[in-house]
Amino acid sequence: RSCSFTGFSTVQSRKLAKSLSRSSVRSRMSLKSPKVYNSLQKGALIWDPKPLQVKKIFEALKKGLNEYLEAHQAELDYLSGRHKDTKRNSRLAFYYDLDKQIRSVERYIRKLEFHISKVEELYEAYCIQCRLRDGATNMKQAFSLSPSTKASRESLLELYKNVQECTEDMCFIEGALEVHLGEFHVKMKGLVGFARLCPGDQYEVFVRLGRQKWRLKGKIETDDSQTWDEEEKIFIPNLHEKFEIKVTELRGLATILVGVVTCDSINFFTTKPQAIIVDITELGTIKLRLEVLW
């Protein structure tokens, strides 16, 4: 197999290198300044693209967007039916109110359709750069096995640049894709601990997603109800990070770690609020209840 690559002409390798260079996604896509993308902020650039993770997020995101599209399309069909009935009954005020609602839903549907097409465009460009990078990586490996000549060294250098450029473009698209992930509205629903939770106990819950943090304190009341100083927090989804949840018990000036868990956000891209019950301790004696709305 290595012999067949050895016979690959220098002219052909240079042509491939040029084609890879011309395929740079940044020269073809009119994207905004990298400053707006989480993954491209200083100190946060990820130079290790994760195609499998991006594929999972893309599929979940597209499914969720289509759910929203179907729901609003059903609403539009219902309003349109009422619109026709109202027109026959000549109730003008109600008729014009329905007409206003219909136009609003139609605008939102167009926005959703554009959103879906933009996500698909970004992912298609990402897949192209991924295939180009894999091809350049395979060729680089093959040329490294061939006898070292001036031509082969030039080809290796060119292929190395192409791999680096494709990697940069993949990171750039990952950052652009994150802009289209929406928001997670996370609500605190309290701790569940049966006999472990006693009146007067105080706890601190720390939720982190990448560089986004949420720290809140709660207390178990005498009637077994719970009071928390915050009830809701908005998180911006991240392609690479999972939710990290840490619960500590506050005893005077001391803090006792109850448990630390991670939670994947892949299932949160849906129209319905997701009720989450997380085992904080290994035996599940204390659980944390959250609700996530995308």
Foldseek 3Di string as FASTA:
>chain_A
DLVVLLPPDLVVLVVLLVVLVVLQVVVVDDDDDLCVFPCSNPPRPDLDDDLVLVVLLLVLQLVALVQVLVVLVVVLVVLVVVLVVCVVVVPVVVNVVSVVVNVVSVVVNVVSVVLSVVSVVLVVSLVVLVVSLVVLVVSLVSLVPHDDDPSSVVSNVSSVVSNSSSSVSNSSSLRVNLVSRDKKKKFFPDKDFVVVAAAFKKKWKWKDWPPDIDIKIWGQHHVRDMDIPDTIDMDRDHSPTWIKMWMWIDDPPDIHTQAIDTHHCSNQSHQDKDWDWAQRHPVSNMITIMIIHD
